[in-house]
C-alpha atoms as a PDB file:
ATOM      1  CA  MET A   1      30.523  -0.794  -8.797  1.00  0.00           C
ATOM      2  CA  VAL A   2      27.473  -0.698 -11.034  1.00  0.00           C
ATOM      3  CA  PHE A   3      25.289   0.812  -8.169  1.00  0.00           C
ATOM      4  CA  TYR A   4      27.627   3.837  -8.042  1.00  0.00           C
ATOM      5  CA  ASP A   5      27.407   4.286 -11.715  1.00  0.00           C
ATOM      6  CA  ILE A   6      23.539   4.256 -11.615  1.00  0.00           C
ATOM      7  CA  LEU A   7      23.779   6.808  -8.698  1.00  0.00           C
ATOM      8  CA  PHE A   8      26.019   8.947 -10.602  1.00  0.00           C
ATOM      9  CA  TYR A   9      23.700   8.984 -13.609  1.00  0.00           C
ATOM     10  CA  ILE A  10      20.728   9.848 -11.348  1.00  0.00           C
ATOM     11  CA  CYS A  11      22.814  12.843  -9.926  1.00  0.00           C
ATOM     12  CA  ILE A  12      23.676  13.932 -13.461  1.00  0.00           C
ATOM     13  CA  LEU A  13      19.958  13.876 -14.545  1.00  0.00           C
ATOM     14  CA  PHE A  14      19.029  15.784 -11.294  1.00  0.00           C
ATOM     15  CA  SER A  15      21.849  18.249 -11.919  1.00  0.00           C
ATOM     16  CA  ILE A  16      20.764  18.968 -15.522  1.00  0.00           C
ATOM     17  CA  SER A  17      17.189  19.445 -14.596  1.00  0.00           C
ATOM     18  CA  MET A  18      18.039  21.879 -11.800  1.00  0.00           C
ATOM     19  CA  LEU A  19      20.334  23.867 -14.151  1.00  0.00           C
ATOM     20  CA  GLY A  20      17.574  23.904 -16.611  1.00  0.00           C
ATOM     21  CA  LEU A  21      15.191  25.290 -14.029  1.00  0.00           C
ATOM     22  CA  GLY A  22      17.626  27.925 -13.171  1.00  0.00           C
ATOM     23  CA  PHE A  23      19.098  29.079 -16.501  1.00  0.00           C
ATOM     24  CA  TYR A  24      16.911  28.054 -19.522  1.00  0.00           C
ATOM     25  CA  TYR A  25      13.676  29.112 -18.099  1.00  0.00           C
ATOM     26  CA  ASN A  26      13.197  32.607 -19.704  1.00  0.00           C
ATOM     27  CA  GLY A  27       9.533  32.777 -18.955  1.00  0.00           C
ATOM     28  CA  ASN A  28       8.250  29.760 -20.945  1.00  0.00           C
ATOM     29  CA  LEU A  29       5.830  27.669 -18.903  1.00  0.00           C
ATOM     30  CA  PHE A  30       6.462  24.540 -21.008  1.00  0.00           C
ATOM     31  CA  TYR A  31      10.082  24.394 -20.334  1.00  0.00           C
ATOM     32  CA  PHE A  32       9.638  24.992 -16.730  1.00  0.00           C
ATOM     33  CA  LEU A  33       7.071  22.130 -16.609  1.00  0.00           C
ATOM     34  CA  ILE A  34       9.386  19.760 -18.542  1.00  0.00           C
ATOM     35  CA  PHE A  35      12.510  20.559 -16.291  1.00  0.00           C
ATOM     36  CA  PHE A  36      10.435  20.250 -13.236  1.00  0.00           C
ATOM     37  CA  GLU A  37       9.030  16.784 -14.322  1.00  0.00           C
ATOM     38  CA  SER A  38      12.586  15.641 -15.037  1.00  0.00           C
ATOM     39  CA  CYS A  39      13.555  16.778 -11.619  1.00  0.00           C
ATOM     40  CA  MET A  40      10.701  14.819 -10.004  1.00  0.00           C
ATOM     41  CA  LEU A  41      11.522  11.787 -12.248  1.00  0.00           C
ATOM     42  CA  SER A  42      15.171  11.747 -11.081  1.00  0.00           C
ATOM     43  CA  LEU A  43      14.153  11.968  -7.412  1.00  0.00           C
ATOM     44  CA  ILE A  44      11.746   9.125  -7.981  1.00  0.00           C
ATOM     45  CA  VAL A  45      14.324   6.963  -9.558  1.00  0.00           C
ATOM     46  CA  ASN A  46      16.778   7.651  -6.919  1.00  0.00           C
ATOM     47  CA  TYR A  47      14.148   6.654  -4.366  1.00  0.00           C
ATOM     48  CA  VAL A  48      13.615   3.367  -6.083  1.00  0.00           C
ATOM     49  CA  PHE A  49      17.352   2.826  -6.343  1.00  0.00           C
ATOM     50  CA  ILE A  50      17.700   3.244  -2.555  1.00  0.00           C
ATOM     51  CA  CYS A  51      14.729   1.206  -2.115  1.00  0.00           C
ATOM     52  CA  ILE A  52      16.350  -1.672  -4.044  1.00  0.00           C
ATOM     53  CA  LEU A  53      19.591  -1.330  -2.111  1.00  0.00           C
ATOM     54  CA  LEU A  54      17.634  -1.527   1.276  1.00  0.00           C
ATOM     55  CA  ASP A  55      15.684  -4.469   0.004  1.00  0.00           C
ATOM     56  CA  ASP A  56      12.346  -3.119   1.192  1.00  0.00           C
ATOM     57  CA  PRO A  57       9.357  -3.879  -1.127  1.00  0.00           C
ATOM     58  CA  ARG A  58       7.188  -1.258   0.579  1.00  0.00           C
ATOM     59  CA  CYS A  59       9.298   1.597  -0.784  1.00  0.00           C
ATOM     60  CA  ILE A  60       8.510   0.581  -4.316  1.00  0.00           C
ATOM     61  CA  ILE A  61       4.863   1.018  -3.548  1.00  0.00           C
ATOM     62  CA  TYR A  62       5.640   4.611  -2.289  1.00  0.00           C
ATOM     63  CA  ALA A  63       7.563   5.211  -5.435  1.00  0.00           C
ATOM     64  CA  LEU A  64       4.717   4.299  -7.640  1.00  0.00           C
ATOM     65  CA  ILE A  65       2.414   6.615  -5.726  1.00  0.00           C
ATOM     66  CA  LEU A  66       4.785   9.402  -6.116  1.00  0.00           C
ATOM     67  CA  PHE A  67       5.109   8.622  -9.823  1.00  0.00           C
ATOM     68  CA  ALA A  68       1.246   8.653 -10.041  1.00  0.00           C
ATOM     69  CA  ILE A  69       1.225  12.068  -8.306  1.00  0.00           C
ATOM     70  CA  ALA A  70       3.839  13.446 -10.631  1.00  0.00           C
ATOM     71  CA  ALA A  71       1.757  12.162 -13.611  1.00  0.00           C
ATOM     72  CA  VAL A  72      -1.345  13.717 -12.460  1.00  0.00           C
ATOM     73  CA  GLU A  73       0.528  17.111 -11.777  1.00  0.00           C
ATOM     74  CA  SER A  74       2.105  17.015 -15.295  1.00  0.00           C
ATOM     75  CA  ALA A  75      -1.427  16.416 -16.943  1.00  0.00           C
ATOM     76  CA  ILE A  76      -2.921  19.299 -14.907  1.00  0.00           C
ATOM     77  CA  GLY A  77      -0.037  21.568 -15.790  1.00  0.00           C
ATOM     78  CA  LEU A  78      -0.088  20.828 -19.437  1.00  0.00           C
ATOM     79  CA  SER A  79      -3.759  21.274 -19.599  1.00  0.00           C
ATOM     80  CA  LEU A  80      -3.406  24.779 -17.776  1.00  0.00           C
ATOM     81  CA  ILE A  81      -0.772  25.673 -20.252  1.00  0.00           C
ATOM     82  CA  LEU A  82      -2.859  24.673 -23.080  1.00  0.00           C
ATOM     83  CA  LEU A  83      -5.699  26.880 -21.855  1.00  0.00           C
ATOM     84  CA  TYR A  84      -3.471  29.798 -21.359  1.00  0.00           C
ATOM     85  CA  GLN A  85      -2.114  29.356 -24.912  1.00  0.00           C
ATOM     86  CA  ARG A  86      -5.577  29.323 -26.397  1.00  0.00           C
ATOM     87  CA  SER A  87      -6.636  32.309 -24.509  1.00  0.00           C
ATOM     88  CA  SER A  88      -3.596  34.569 -24.947  1.00  0.00           C
ATOM     89  CA  GLY A  89      -2.043  33.094 -28.153  1.00  0.00           C
ATOM     90  CA  HIS A  90       1.404  32.415 -26.600  1.00  0.00           C
ATOM     91  CA  ILE A  91       2.792  30.613 -23.584  1.00  0.00           C
ATOM     92  CA  PHE A  92       5.365  33.238 -22.696  1.00  0.00           C
ATOM     93  CA  TYR A  93       4.757  35.507 -19.786  1.00  0.00           C
ATOM     94  CA  SER A  94       6.353  38.275 -18.085  1.00  0.00           C
ATOM     95  CA  TYR A  95       6.800  38.371 -14.350  1.00  0.00           C
ATOM     96  CA  SER A  96       7.838  41.547 -12.459  1.00  0.00           C
ATOM     97  CA  ILE A  97       8.131  42.141  -8.787  1.00  0.00           C
ATOM     98  CA  ASP A  98       7.104  45.661  -8.970  1.00  0.00           C
ATOM     99  CA  GLY A  99       3.595  44.525 -10.042  1.00  0.00           C
END
């Protein structure tokens, strides 16, 4: 029963992060990065949870590699946002399909 509760909370975290990506973005790069990282974190925790259920220790190593990749991506993204903010004075941007 506890395993289903953990899986339910992981699904809730993933759903909140996907809703955040869809609805609360509004052109702010920082919010996009935070919601994207929470989405990746929920997927990694889900992967670790399934690895524990399958009792395979190799999967934990893969999850740690995924977590390291997510950390590197977050560091690079935050540094790019900081550079963009220093050059333009804000982190909001407008995107139009028309060009």
